[in-house]
Structures are given as structure tokens and as C-alpha cells.
Amino acid sequence: QVQLVESGGGLVQAGGSLRLSCAASGIIFRFNVMGWYRQAPGKQRELVALIRSGGNTNYADSVKGRFTISRDGAKNTVYLQMNSLKPEDTAVYFCNAFGFATQPGAQYWGQGTQVTVSS
């Protein structure tokens, strides 16, 4: 059974930094895409950043230049370094993993980790 476990959320003041981690277990294949989404109260879940197996990345316009996604090449682990945090970054952050060798359409979600940025 595939599981994604996030860590690293918390409370930080505006301008501060946090680093989120997400580790996958229960799978021997490398995911094709891993990423981070977030959902603020009363809003839809939105993409924050994703990274493909080849290293290509995509970012939401709202986090470009402040957030950096990276991936452990040997493991199904993905990180999100968040700098210059703003109150509007407050949300539950979810790790996402998509597709692997024998199941290209499979998708998995973590349980979410709360990030709160105070002004």
C-alpha cells in the first residue's frame, strides 16, 4: 500500500522560511511526477509546484522566486523550500505523487500538513 507522509509544517512569521518534506513508502518504482498542492479555508486546492523525474519543474505564479521544489534522486522523496513566506501562503499543504512504470495513471495524496504564516 502506497503512503505519502508529509512533515515540516508549522507556524512562522511573515518573511520566514519553512521546509516541507514528503516521503513515499510501499512502492519500489520511482514516481513520474511529485508535487505540492495547497488548500486554504474556503478555497479550492491549487498547485504550488511539481517536479518530474527528469528534473523539470513548474511553479504557481504566486510562489515563483520564493519556493523551491526538489527531489531525492534515489528515493521517492520530495521537498518544498518556502522562503519569504506571506500570510496568503497559509494553507494545508498536500504532497502528490503521480504515475509510475506499471501504473502511469495512478495518483496518491498525503494527509496534509498545516502551514500558518502570521503577519
PDB file of N, CA and C in Angstrom:
ATOM      1  N   GLN A   1       0.845  -1.188   0.000  1.00  0.00           N
ATOM      2  CA  GLN A   1       0.000   0.000   0.000  1.00  0.00           C
ATOM      3  C   GLN A   1       0.886   1.246   0.000  1.00  0.00           C
ATOM      4  N   VAL A   2       0.651   2.108  -0.983  1.00  0.00           N
ATOM      5  CA  VAL A   2       1.454   3.317  -1.111  1.00  0.00           C
ATOM      6  C   VAL A   2       0.978   4.356  -0.112  1.00  0.00           C
ATOM      7  N   GLN A   3       1.913   4.966   0.582  1.00  0.00           N
ATOM      8  CA  GLN A   3       1.599   6.048   1.509  1.00  0.00           C
ATOM      9  C   GLN A   3       2.556   7.207   1.283  1.00  0.00           C
ATOM     10  N   LEU A   4       2.029   8.414   1.390  1.00  0.00           N
ATOM     11  CA  LEU A   4       2.835   9.626   1.350  1.00  0.00           C
ATOM     12  C   LEU A   4       2.718  10.296   2.709  1.00  0.00           C
ATOM     13  N   VAL A   5       3.855  10.591   3.311  1.00  0.00           N
ATOM     14  CA  VAL A   5       3.848  11.192   4.640  1.00  0.00           C
ATOM     15  C   VAL A   5       4.594  12.513   4.589  1.00  0.00           C
ATOM     16  N   GLU A   6       3.873  13.591   4.908  1.00  0.00           N
ATOM     17  CA  GLU A   6       4.460  14.923   4.908  1.00  0.00           C
ATOM     18  C   GLU A   6       4.945  15.295   6.297  1.00  0.00           C
ATOM     19  N   SER A   7       5.902  16.198   6.334  1.00  0.00           N
ATOM     20  CA  SER A   7       6.368  16.768   7.589  1.00  0.00           C
ATOM     21  C   SER A   7       6.931  18.150   7.312  1.00  0.00           C
ATOM     22  N   GLY A   8       7.073  18.935   8.365  1.00  0.00           N
ATOM     23  CA  GLY A   8       7.729  20.220   8.238  1.00  0.00           C
ATOM     24  C   GLY A   8       6.828  21.433   8.312  1.00  0.00           C
ATOM     25  N   GLY A   9       5.535  21.228   8.407  1.00  0.00           N
ATOM     26  CA  GLY A   9       4.650  22.377   8.526  1.00  0.00           C
ATOM     27  C   GLY A   9       4.763  23.028   9.894  1.00  0.00           C
ATOM     28  N   GLY A  10       4.091  24.162  10.052  1.00  0.00           N
ATOM     29  CA  GLY A  10       4.122  24.836  11.335  1.00  0.00           C
ATOM     30  C   GLY A  10       3.709  26.278  11.226  1.00  0.00           C
ATOM     31  N   LEU A  11       4.002  27.020  12.287  1.00  0.00           N
ATOM     32  CA  LEU A  11       3.675  28.438  12.369  1.00  0.00           C
ATOM     33  C   LEU A  11       4.945  29.251  12.208  1.00  0.00           C
ATOM     34  N   VAL A  12       4.888  30.246  11.343  1.00  0.00           N
ATOM     35  CA  VAL A  12       6.055  31.088  11.098  1.00  0.00           C
ATOM     36  C   VAL A  12       5.581  32.519  10.855  1.00  0.00           C
ATOM     37  N   GLN A  13       6.433  33.479  11.166  1.00  0.00           N
ATOM     38  CA  GLN A  13       6.092  34.873  10.906  1.00  0.00           C
ATOM     39  C   GLN A  13       6.317  35.203   9.432  1.00  0.00           C
ATOM     40  N   ALA A  14       5.626  36.195   8.974  1.00  0.00           N
ATOM     41  CA  ALA A  14       5.805  36.649   7.602  1.00  0.00           C
ATOM     42  C   ALA A  14       7.273  36.987   7.354  1.00  0.00           C
ATOM     43  N   GLY A  15       7.766  36.562   6.191  1.00  0.00           N
ATOM     44  CA  GLY A  15       9.169  36.749   5.866  1.00  0.00           C
ATOM     45  C   GLY A  15      10.052  35.571   6.244  1.00  0.00           C
ATOM     46  N   GLY A  16       9.497  34.656   7.017  1.00  0.00           N
ATOM     47  CA  GLY A  16      10.253  33.499   7.463  1.00  0.00           C
ATOM     48  C   GLY A  16      10.272  32.378   6.437  1.00  0.00           C
ATOM     49  N   SER A  17      10.847  31.254   6.851  1.00  0.00           N
ATOM     50  CA  SER A  17      11.018  30.114   5.953  1.00  0.00           C
ATOM     51  C   SER A  17      10.564  28.829   6.627  1.00  0.00           C
ATOM     52  N   LEU A  18      10.131  27.900   5.804  1.00  0.00           N
ATOM     53  CA  LEU A  18       9.825  26.541   6.232  1.00  0.00           C
ATOM     54  C   LEU A  18      10.250  25.581   5.132  1.00  0.00           C
ATOM     55  N   ARG A  19      10.538  24.361   5.520  1.00  0.00           N
ATOM     56  CA  ARG A  19      10.859  23.323   4.538  1.00  0.00           C
ATOM     57  C   ARG A  19       9.950  22.128   4.772  1.00  0.00           C
ATOM     58  N   LEU A  20       9.192  21.799   3.756  1.00  0.00           N
ATOM     59  CA  LEU A  20       8.313  20.637   3.812  1.00  0.00           C
ATOM     60  C   LEU A  20       9.005  19.435   3.178  1.00  0.00           C
ATOM     61  N   SER A  21       8.732  18.274   3.740  1.00  0.00           N
ATOM     62  CA  SER A  21       9.247  17.023   3.192  1.00  0.00           C
ATOM     63  C   SER A  21       8.099  16.051   2.992  1.00  0.00           C
ATOM     64  N   CYS A  22       8.247  15.187   2.012  1.00  0.00           N
ATOM     65  CA  CYS A  22       7.237  14.163   1.746  1.00  0.00           C
ATOM     66  C   CYS A  22       7.961  12.900   1.328  1.00  0.00           C
ATOM     67  N   ALA A  23       7.725  11.849   2.058  1.00  0.00           N
ATOM     68  CA  ALA A  23       8.366  10.568   1.760  1.00  0.00           C
ATOM     69  C   ALA A  23       7.309   9.530   1.411  1.00  0.00           C
ATOM     70  N   ALA A  24       7.549   8.808   0.335  1.00  0.00           N
ATOM     71  CA  ALA A  24       6.637   7.753  -0.092  1.00  0.00           C
ATOM     72  C   ALA A  24       7.141   6.405   0.382  1.00  0.00           C
ATOM     73  N   SER A  25       6.213   5.558   0.756  1.00  0.00           N
ATOM     74  CA  SER A  25       6.556   4.196   1.142  1.00  0.00           C
ATOM     75  C   SER A  25       5.601   3.232   0.454  1.00  0.00           C
ATOM     76  N   GLY A  26       5.987   1.966   0.433  1.00  0.00           N
ATOM     77  CA  GLY A  26       5.122   0.953  -0.151  1.00  0.00           C
ATOM     78  C   GLY A  26       5.213   0.842  -1.654  1.00  0.00           C
ATOM     79  N   ILE A  27       6.273   1.365  -2.244  1.00  0.00           N
ATOM     80  CA  ILE A  27       6.427   1.314  -3.691  1.00  0.00           C
ATOM     81  C   ILE A  27       7.902   1.194  -4.033  1.00  0.00           C
ATOM     82  N   ILE A  28       8.206   0.356  -5.045  1.00  0.00           N
ATOM     83  CA  ILE A  28       9.603   0.195  -5.448  1.00  0.00           C
ATOM     84  C   ILE A  28       9.933   1.002  -6.694  1.00  0.00           C
ATOM     85  N   PHE A  29       8.892   1.475  -7.397  1.00  0.00           N
ATOM     86  CA  PHE A  29       9.121   2.255  -8.604  1.00  0.00           C
ATOM     87  C   PHE A  29       9.239   3.737  -8.259  1.00  0.00           C
ATOM     88  N   ARG A  30       9.870   4.466  -9.168  1.00  0.00           N
ATOM     89  CA  ARG A  30      10.010   5.908  -8.997  1.00  0.00           C
ATOM     90  C   ARG A  30       8.790   6.585  -9.619  1.00  0.00           C
ATOM     91  N   PHE A  31       8.199   7.509  -8.881  1.00  0.00           N
ATOM     92  CA  PHE A  31       7.075   8.246  -9.432  1.00  0.00           C
ATOM     93  C   PHE A  31       7.519   9.130 -10.592  1.00  0.00           C
ATOM     94  N   ASN A  32       6.646   9.269 -11.582  1.00  0.00           N
ATOM     95  CA  ASN A  32       6.958  10.125 -12.727  1.00  0.00           C
ATOM     96  C   ASN A  32       6.934  11.600 -12.336  1.00  0.00           C
ATOM     97  N   VAL A  33       5.988  11.970 -11.506  1.00  0.00           N
ATOM     98  CA  VAL A  33       5.809  13.357 -11.087  1.00  0.00           C
ATOM     99  C   VAL A  33       5.510  13.389  -9.598  1.00  0.00           C
ATOM    100  N   MET A  34       6.138  14.290  -8.890  1.00  0.00           N
ATOM    101  CA  MET A  34       5.784  14.548  -7.492  1.00  0.00           C
ATOM    102  C   MET A  34       5.605  16.045  -7.318  1.00  0.00           C
ATOM    103  N   GLY A  35       4.721  16.403  -6.412  1.00  0.00           N
ATOM    104  CA  GLY A  35       4.467  17.829  -6.276  1.00  0.00           C
ATOM    105  C   GLY A  35       3.778  18.185  -4.975  1.00  0.00           C
ATOM    106  N   TRP A  36       3.493  19.468  -4.864  1.00  0.00           N
ATOM    107  CA  TRP A  36       2.816  20.019  -3.692  1.00  0.00           C
ATOM    108  C   TRP A  36       1.621  20.845  -4.152  1.00  0.00           C
ATOM    109  N   TYR A  37       0.528  20.641  -3.456  1.00  0.00           N
ATOM    110  CA  TYR A  37      -0.677  21.425  -3.636  1.00  0.00           C
ATOM    111  C   TYR A  37      -1.020  22.047  -2.282  1.00  0.00           C
ATOM    112  N   ARG A  38      -1.879  23.049  -2.307  1.00  0.00           N
ATOM    113  CA  ARG A  38      -2.324  23.635  -1.046  1.00  0.00           C
ATOM    114  C   ARG A  38      -3.788  24.012  -1.136  1.00  0.00           C
ATOM    115  N   GLN A  39      -4.406  24.042   0.033  1.00  0.00           N
ATOM    116  CA  GLN A  39      -5.815  24.422   0.110  1.00  0.00           C
ATOM    117  C   GLN A  39      -6.020  25.304   1.327  1.00  0.00           C
ATOM    118  N   ALA A  40      -6.433  26.524   1.057  1.00  0.00           N
ATOM    119  CA  ALA A  40      -6.755  27.470   2.112  1.00  0.00           C
ATOM    120  C   ALA A  40      -8.238  27.351   2.451  1.00  0.00           C
ATOM    121  N   PRO A  41      -8.635  27.776   3.649  1.00  0.00           N
ATOM    122  CA  PRO A  41     -10.048  27.677   4.034  1.00  0.00           C
ATOM    123  C   PRO A  41     -10.954  28.369   3.028  1.00  0.00           C
ATOM    124  N   GLY A  42     -11.981  27.663   2.590  1.00  0.00           N
ATOM    125  CA  GLY A  42     -12.939  28.231   1.664  1.00  0.00           C
ATOM    126  C   GLY A  42     -12.481  28.325   0.228  1.00  0.00           C
ATOM    127  N   LYS A  43     -11.307  27.779  -0.064  1.00  0.00           N
ATOM    128  CA  LYS A  43     -10.769  27.855  -1.426  1.00  0.00           C
ATOM    129  C   LYS A  43     -10.528  26.451  -1.976  1.00  0.00           C
ATOM    130  N   GLN A  44     -10.389  26.387  -3.289  1.00  0.00           N
ATOM    131  CA  GLN A  44     -10.092  25.108  -3.921  1.00  0.00           C
ATOM    132  C   GLN A  44      -8.621  24.767  -3.761  1.00  0.00           C
ATOM    133  N   ARG A  45      -8.347  23.488  -3.833  1.00  0.00           N
ATOM    134  CA  ARG A  45      -6.963  23.037  -3.804  1.00  0.00           C
ATOM    135  C   ARG A  45      -6.269  23.523  -5.077  1.00  0.00           C
ATOM    136  N   GLU A  46      -5.045  24.028  -4.918  1.00  0.00           N
ATOM    137  CA  GLU A  46      -4.312  24.557  -6.062  1.00  0.00           C
ATOM    138  C   GLU A  46      -2.892  24.008  -6.090  1.00  0.00           C
ATOM    139  N   LEU A  47      -2.367  23.947  -7.309  1.00  0.00           N
ATOM    140  CA  LEU A  47      -0.992  23.502  -7.482  1.00  0.00           C
ATOM    141  C   LEU A  47      -0.037  24.561  -6.960  1.00  0.00           C
ATOM    142  N   VAL A  48       0.961  24.121  -6.208  1.00  0.00           N
ATOM    143  CA  VAL A  48       2.034  25.006  -5.765  1.00  0.00           C
ATOM    144  C   VAL A  48       3.270  24.782  -6.634  1.00  0.00           C
ATOM    145  N   ALA A  49       3.703  23.541  -6.728  1.00  0.00           N
ATOM    146  CA  ALA A  49       4.898  23.227  -7.514  1.00  0.00           C
ATOM    147  C   ALA A  49       4.926  21.732  -7.796  1.00  0.00           C
ATOM    148  N   LEU A  50       5.546  21.364  -8.904  1.00  0.00           N
ATOM    149  CA  LEU A  50       5.738  19.956  -9.203  1.00  0.00           C
ATOM    150  C   LEU A  50       7.096  19.754  -9.858  1.00  0.00           C
ATOM    151  N   ILE A  51       7.579  18.522  -9.755  1.00  0.00           N
ATOM    152  CA  ILE A  51       8.870  18.177 -10.343  1.00  0.00           C
ATOM    153  C   ILE A  51       8.751  16.818 -11.006  1.00  0.00           C
ATOM    154  N   ARG A  52       9.230  16.734 -12.224  1.00  0.00           N
ATOM    155  CA  ARG A  52       9.163  15.487 -12.982  1.00  0.00           C
ATOM    156  C   ARG A  52      10.421  14.664 -12.756  1.00  0.00           C
ATOM    157  N   SER A  53      10.378  13.428 -13.168  1.00  0.00           N
ATOM    158  CA  SER A  53      11.505  12.533 -12.920  1.00  0.00           C
ATOM    159  C   SER A  53      12.776  13.037 -13.591  1.00  0.00           C
ATOM    160  N   GLY A  54      12.637  13.773 -14.684  1.00  0.00           N
ATOM    161  CA  GLY A  54      13.815  14.310 -15.353  1.00  0.00           C
ATOM    162  C   GLY A  54      14.343  15.587 -14.741  1.00  0.00           C
ATOM    163  N   GLY A  55      13.606  16.105 -13.751  1.00  0.00           N
ATOM    164  CA  GLY A  55      14.062  17.304 -13.061  1.00  0.00           C
ATOM    165  C   GLY A  55      13.344  18.583 -13.460  1.00  0.00           C
ATOM    166  N   ASN A  56      12.528  18.524 -14.498  1.00  0.00           N
ATOM    167  CA  ASN A  56      11.783  19.730 -14.882  1.00  0.00           C
ATOM    168  C   ASN A  56      10.786  20.110 -13.792  1.00  0.00           C
ATOM    169  N   THR A  57      10.618  21.406 -13.585  1.00  0.00           N
ATOM    170  CA  THR A  57       9.737  21.905 -12.532  1.00  0.00           C
ATOM    171  C   THR A  57       8.714  22.891 -13.069  1.00  0.00           C
ATOM    172  N   ASN A  58       7.626  22.994 -12.353  1.00  0.00           N
ATOM    173  CA  ASN A  58       6.607  24.008 -12.615  1.00  0.00           C
ATOM    174  C   ASN A  58       6.206  24.633 -11.276  1.00  0.00           C
ATOM    175  N   TYR A  59       5.947  25.930 -11.304  1.00  0.00           N
ATOM    176  CA  TYR A  59       5.538  26.639 -10.101  1.00  0.00           C
ATOM    177  C   TYR A  59       4.304  27.494 -10.377  1.00  0.00           C
ATOM    178  N   ALA A  60       3.486  27.640  -9.347  1.00  0.00           N
ATOM    179  CA  ALA A  60       2.418  28.620  -9.422  1.00  0.00           C
ATOM    180  C   ALA A  60       3.049  30.010  -9.469  1.00  0.00           C
ATOM    181  N   ASP A  61       2.420  30.920 -10.197  1.00  0.00           N
ATOM    182  CA  ASP A  61       2.972  32.266 -10.312  1.00  0.00           C
ATOM    183  C   ASP A  61       3.146  32.921  -8.941  1.00  0.00           C
ATOM    184  N   SER A  62       2.262  32.602  -8.020  1.00  0.00           N
ATOM    185  CA  SER A  62       2.274  33.250  -6.707  1.00  0.00           C
ATOM    186  C   SER A  62       3.473  32.862  -5.852  1.00  0.00           C
ATOM    187  N   VAL A  63       4.154  31.783  -6.215  1.00  0.00           N
ATOM    188  CA  VAL A  63       5.287  31.335  -5.385  1.00  0.00           C
ATOM    189  C   VAL A  63       6.613  31.387  -6.129  1.00  0.00           C
ATOM    190  N   LYS A  64       6.597  31.723  -7.387  1.00  0.00           N
ATOM    191  CA  LYS A  64       7.844  31.784  -8.163  1.00  0.00           C
ATOM    192  C   LYS A  64       8.827  32.743  -7.518  1.00  0.00           C
ATOM    193  N   GLY A  65      10.072  32.297  -7.416  1.00  0.00           N
ATOM    194  CA  GLY A  65      11.109  33.119  -6.818  1.00  0.00           C
ATOM    195  C   GLY A  65      11.183  33.019  -5.306  1.00  0.00           C
ATOM    196  N   ARG A  66      10.172  32.397  -4.692  1.00  0.00           N
ATOM    197  CA  ARG A  66      10.173  32.252  -3.235  1.00  0.00           C
ATOM    198  C   ARG A  66      10.247  30.789  -2.797  1.00  0.00           C
ATOM    199  N   PHE A  67       9.627  29.913  -3.558  1.00  0.00           N
ATOM    200  CA  PHE A  67       9.589  28.487  -3.226  1.00  0.00           C
ATOM    201  C   PHE A  67      10.475  27.703  -4.185  1.00  0.00           C
ATOM    202  N   THR A  68      11.075  26.631  -3.668  1.00  0.00           N
ATOM    203  CA  THR A  68      11.884  25.755  -4.499  1.00  0.00           C
ATOM    204  C   THR A  68      11.520  24.306  -4.215  1.00  0.00           C
ATOM    205  N   ILE A  69      11.171  23.585  -5.260  1.00  0.00           N
ATOM    206  CA  ILE A  69      10.875  22.164  -5.114  1.00  0.00           C
ATOM    207  C   ILE A  69      12.106  21.359  -5.526  1.00  0.00           C
ATOM    208  N   SER A  70      12.355  20.292  -4.799  1.00  0.00           N
ATOM    209  CA  SER A  70      13.482  19.426  -5.137  1.00  0.00           C
ATOM    210  C   SER A  70      13.102  17.983  -4.813  1.00  0.00           C
ATOM    211  N   ARG A  71      13.926  17.089  -5.316  1.00  0.00           N
ATOM    212  CA  ARG A  71      13.577  15.677  -5.183  1.00  0.00           C
ATOM    213  C   ARG A  71      14.842  14.874  -4.932  1.00  0.00           C
ATOM    214  N   ASP A  72      14.739  13.905  -4.055  1.00  0.00           N
ATOM    215  CA  ASP A  72      15.852  12.995  -3.835  1.00  0.00           C
ATOM    216  C   ASP A  72      15.904  12.019  -5.000  1.00  0.00           C
ATOM    217  N   GLY A  73      17.053  12.002  -5.705  1.00  0.00           N
ATOM    218  CA  GLY A  73      17.151  11.186  -6.903  1.00  0.00           C
ATOM    219  C   GLY A  73      17.032   9.695  -6.654  1.00  0.00           C
ATOM    220  N   ALA A  74      17.377   9.255  -5.477  1.00  0.00           N
ATOM    221  CA  ALA A  74      17.390   7.826  -5.203  1.00  0.00           C
ATOM    222  C   ALA A  74      16.106   7.342  -4.516  1.00  0.00           C
ATOM    223  N   LYS A  75      15.324   8.280  -4.015  1.00  0.00           N
ATOM    224  CA  LYS A  75      14.140   7.898  -3.245  1.00  0.00           C
ATOM    225  C   LYS A  75      12.934   8.654  -3.770  1.00  0.00           C
ATOM    226  N   ASN A  76      11.788   8.182  -3.420  1.00  0.00           N
ATOM    227  CA  ASN A  76      10.557   8.911  -3.719  1.00  0.00           C
ATOM    228  C   ASN A  76      10.310   9.917  -2.603  1.00  0.00           C
ATOM    229  N   THR A  77      11.187  10.898  -2.524  1.00  0.00           N
ATOM    230  CA  THR A  77      11.068  11.941  -1.516  1.00  0.00           C
ATOM    231  C   THR A  77      11.124  13.294  -2.215  1.00  0.00           C
ATOM    232  N   VAL A  78      10.217  14.159  -1.834  1.00  0.00           N
ATOM    233  CA  VAL A  78      10.161  15.478  -2.438  1.00  0.00           C
ATOM    234  C   VAL A  78      10.146  16.523  -1.327  1.00  0.00           C
ATOM    235  N   TYR A  79      10.771  17.663  -1.609  1.00  0.00           N
ATOM    236  CA  TYR A  79      10.897  18.737  -0.641  1.00  0.00           C
ATOM    237  C   TYR A  79      10.334  20.031  -1.230  1.00  0.00           C
ATOM    238  N   LEU A  80       9.900  20.906  -0.341  1.00  0.00           N
ATOM    239  CA  LEU A  80       9.475  22.230  -0.752  1.00  0.00           C
ATOM    240  C   LEU A  80      10.103  23.232   0.208  1.00  0.00           C
ATOM    241  N   GLN A  81      11.086  23.975  -0.283  1.00  0.00           N
ATOM    242  CA  GLN A  81      11.695  25.040   0.497  1.00  0.00           C
ATOM    243  C   GLN A  81      10.894  26.314   0.263  1.00  0.00           C
ATOM    244  N   MET A  82      10.342  26.855   1.334  1.00  0.00           N
ATOM    245  CA  MET A  82       9.486  28.032   1.231  1.00  0.00           C
ATOM    246  C   MET A  82      10.159  29.200   1.952  1.00  0.00           C
ATOM    247  N   ASN A  83      10.521  30.215   1.193  1.00  0.00           N
ATOM    248  CA  ASN A  83      11.159  31.412   1.740  1.00  0.00           C
ATOM    249  C   ASN A  83      10.251  32.621   1.559  1.00  0.00           C
ATOM    250  N   SER A  84      10.552  33.669   2.290  1.00  0.00           N
ATOM    251  CA  SER A  84       9.782  34.913   2.186  1.00  0.00           C
ATOM    252  C   SER A  84       8.289  34.648   2.277  1.00  0.00           C
ATOM    253  N   LEU A  85       7.917  33.880   3.258  1.00  0.00           N
ATOM    254  CA  LEU A  85       6.521  33.477   3.390  1.00  0.00           C
ATOM    255  C   LEU A  85       5.620  34.665   3.681  1.00  0.00           C
ATOM    256  N   LYS A  86       4.418  34.589   3.142  1.00  0.00           N
ATOM    257  CA  LYS A  86       3.415  35.633   3.288  1.00  0.00           C
ATOM    258  C   LYS A  86       2.178  35.049   3.971  1.00  0.00           C
ATOM    259  N   PRO A  87       1.390  35.892   4.615  1.00  0.00           N
ATOM    260  CA  PRO A  87       0.156  35.380   5.233  1.00  0.00           C
ATOM    261  C   PRO A  87      -0.739  34.643   4.245  1.00  0.00           C
ATOM    262  N   GLU A  88      -0.729  35.056   2.987  1.00  0.00           N
ATOM    263  CA  GLU A  88      -1.565  34.384   1.992  1.00  0.00           C
ATOM    264  C   GLU A  88      -1.054  33.001   1.613  1.00  0.00           C
ATOM    265  N   ASP A  89       0.110  32.613   2.116  1.00  0.00           N
ATOM    266  CA  ASP A  89       0.596  31.245   1.911  1.00  0.00           C
ATOM    267  C   ASP A  89      -0.008  30.274   2.930  1.00  0.00           C
ATOM    268  N   THR A  90      -0.737  30.807   3.899  1.00  0.00           N
ATOM    269  CA  THR A  90      -1.365  29.961   4.903  1.00  0.00           C
ATOM    270  C   THR A  90      -2.350  29.002   4.257  1.00  0.00           C
ATOM    271  N   ALA A  91      -2.147  27.714   4.519  1.00  0.00           N
ATOM    272  CA  ALA A  91      -2.983  26.682   3.914  1.00  0.00           C
ATOM    273  C   ALA A  91      -2.544  25.318   4.442  1.00  0.00           C
ATOM    274  N   VAL A  92      -3.324  24.310   4.124  1.00  0.00           N
ATOM    275  CA  VAL A  92      -2.882  22.934   4.298  1.00  0.00           C
ATOM    276  C   VAL A  92      -2.168  22.528   3.018  1.00  0.00           C
ATOM    277  N   TYR A  93      -0.961  22.043   3.162  1.00  0.00           N
ATOM    278  CA  TYR A  93      -0.146  21.655   2.021  1.00  0.00           C
ATOM    279  C   TYR A  93      -0.176  20.129   1.878  1.00  0.00           C
ATOM    280  N   PHE A  94      -0.470  19.694   0.664  1.00  0.00           N
ATOM    281  CA  PHE A  94      -0.603  18.265   0.376  1.00  0.00           C
ATOM    282  C   PHE A  94       0.472  17.825  -0.607  1.00  0.00           C
ATOM    283  N   CYS A  95       1.093  16.719  -0.292  1.00  0.00           N
ATOM    284  CA  CYS A  95       2.025  16.089  -1.216  1.00  0.00           C
ATOM    285  C   CYS A  95       1.239  15.239  -2.218  1.00  0.00           C
ATOM    286  N   ASN A  96       1.707  15.238  -3.452  1.00  0.00           N
ATOM    287  CA  ASN A  96       1.052  14.467  -4.505  1.00  0.00           C
ATOM    288  C   ASN A  96       2.094  13.691  -5.294  1.00  0.00           C
ATOM    289  N   ALA A  97       1.743  12.470  -5.655  1.00  0.00           N
ATOM    290  CA  ALA A  97       2.629  11.658  -6.489  1.00  0.00           C
ATOM    291  C   ALA A  97       1.802  11.044  -7.604  1.00  0.00           C
ATOM    292  N   PHE A  98       2.350  11.050  -8.813  1.00  0.00           N
ATOM    293  CA  PHE A  98       1.575  10.648  -9.981  1.00  0.00           C
ATOM    294  C   PHE A  98       2.389   9.751 -10.895  1.00  0.00           C
ATOM    295  N   GLY A  99       1.827   8.600 -11.181  1.00  0.00           N
ATOM    296  CA  GLY A  99       2.338   7.724 -12.228  1.00  0.00           C
ATOM    297  C   GLY A  99       3.661   7.049 -11.938  1.00  0.00           C
ATOM    298  N   PHE A 100       3.708   5.776 -12.259  1.00  0.00           N
ATOM    299  CA  PHE A 100       4.976   5.069 -12.215  1.00  0.00           C
ATOM    300  C   PHE A 100       4.928   3.978 -13.277  1.00  0.00           C
ATOM    301  N   ALA A 101       6.003   3.216 -13.390  1.00  0.00           N
ATOM    302  CA  ALA A 101       6.236   2.353 -14.549  1.00  0.00           C
ATOM    303  C   ALA A 101       5.044   1.470 -14.930  1.00  0.00           C
ATOM    304  N   THR A 102       4.484   0.772 -13.940  1.00  0.00           N
ATOM    305  CA  THR A 102       3.415  -0.174 -14.265  1.00  0.00           C
ATOM    306  C   THR A 102       2.030   0.426 -14.145  1.00  0.00           C
ATOM    307  N   GLN A 103       1.917   1.599 -13.559  1.00  0.00           N
ATOM    308  CA  GLN A 103       0.628   2.285 -13.405  1.00  0.00           C
ATOM    309  C   GLN A 103       0.803   3.765 -13.707  1.00  0.00           C
ATOM    310  N   PRO A 104       0.881   4.139 -14.971  1.00  0.00           N
ATOM    311  CA  PRO A 104       1.148   5.541 -15.332  1.00  0.00           C
ATOM    312  C   PRO A 104       0.052   6.506 -14.919  1.00  0.00           C
ATOM    313  N   GLY A 105      -1.146   5.996 -14.631  1.00  0.00           N
ATOM    314  CA  GLY A 105      -2.241   6.871 -14.250  1.00  0.00           C
ATOM    315  C   GLY A 105      -2.530   6.923 -12.773  1.00  0.00           C
ATOM    316  N   ALA A 106      -1.751   6.233 -11.984  1.00  0.00           N
ATOM    317  CA  ALA A 106      -2.005   6.192 -10.542  1.00  0.00           C
ATOM    318  C   ALA A 106      -1.684   7.536  -9.898  1.00  0.00           C
ATOM    319  N   GLN A 107      -2.451   7.906  -8.882  1.00  0.00           N
ATOM    320  CA  GLN A 107      -2.226   9.174  -8.191  1.00  0.00           C
ATOM    321  C   GLN A 107      -2.439   8.956  -6.685  1.00  0.00           C
ATOM    322  N   TYR A 108      -1.587   9.560  -5.914  1.00  0.00           N
ATOM    323  CA  TYR A 108      -1.650   9.408  -4.468  1.00  0.00           C
ATOM    324  C   TYR A 108      -1.504  10.771  -3.789  1.00  0.00           C
ATOM    325  N   TRP A 109      -2.125  10.883  -2.621  1.00  0.00           N
ATOM    326  CA  TRP A 109      -2.079  12.120  -1.840  1.00  0.00           C
ATOM    327  C   TRP A 109      -1.623  11.830  -0.415  1.00  0.00           C
ATOM    328  N   GLY A 110      -0.900  12.778   0.149  1.00  0.00           N
ATOM    329  CA  GLY A 110      -0.586  12.716   1.554  1.00  0.00           C
ATOM    330  C   GLY A 110      -1.748  13.243   2.378  1.00  0.00           C
ATOM    331  N   GLN A 111      -1.588  13.213   3.682  1.00  0.00           N
ATOM    332  CA  GLN A 111      -2.674  13.611   4.578  1.00  0.00           C
ATOM    333  C   GLN A 111      -2.726  15.121   4.779  1.00  0.00           C
ATOM    334  N   GLY A 112      -1.679  15.804   4.385  1.00  0.00           N
ATOM    335  CA  GLY A 112      -1.633  17.261   4.506  1.00  0.00           C
ATOM    336  C   GLY A 112      -0.895  17.719   5.746  1.00  0.00           C
ATOM    337  N   THR A 113      -0.262  18.865   5.625  1.00  0.00           N
ATOM    338  CA  THR A 113       0.429  19.478   6.762  1.00  0.00           C
ATOM    339  C   THR A 113       0.090  20.966   6.771  1.00  0.00           C
ATOM    340  N   GLN A 114      -0.225  21.476   7.937  1.00  0.00           N
ATOM    341  CA  GLN A 114      -0.669  22.870   8.063  1.00  0.00           C
ATOM    342  C   GLN A 114       0.521  23.820   8.058  1.00  0.00           C
ATOM    343  N   VAL A 115       0.407  24.851   7.244  1.00  0.00           N
ATOM    344  CA  VAL A 115       1.374  25.953   7.242  1.00  0.00           C
ATOM    345  C   VAL A 115       0.604  27.221   7.582  1.00  0.00           C
ATOM    346  N   THR A 116       1.011  27.894   8.628  1.00  0.00           N
ATOM    347  CA  THR A 116       0.367  29.132   9.052  1.00  0.00           C
ATOM    348  C   THR A 116       1.409  30.233   9.107  1.00  0.00           C
ATOM    349  N   VAL A 117       1.145  31.316   8.383  1.00  0.00           N
ATOM    350  CA  VAL A 117       2.060  32.451   8.340  1.00  0.00           C
ATOM    351  C   VAL A 117       1.371  33.638   9.004  1.00  0.00           C
ATOM    352  N   SER A 118       1.947  34.119  10.072  1.00  0.00           N
ATOM    353  CA  SER A 118       1.355  35.246  10.797  1.00  0.00           C
ATOM    354  C   SER A 118       1.939  36.561  10.298  1.00  0.00           C
ATOM    355  N   SER A 119       1.111  37.584  10.338  1.00  0.00           N
ATOM    356  CA  SER A 119       1.559  38.897   9.844  1.00  0.00           C
ATOM    357  C   SER A 119       2.217  39.706  10.947  1.00  0.00           C
TER     358      SER A 119
END
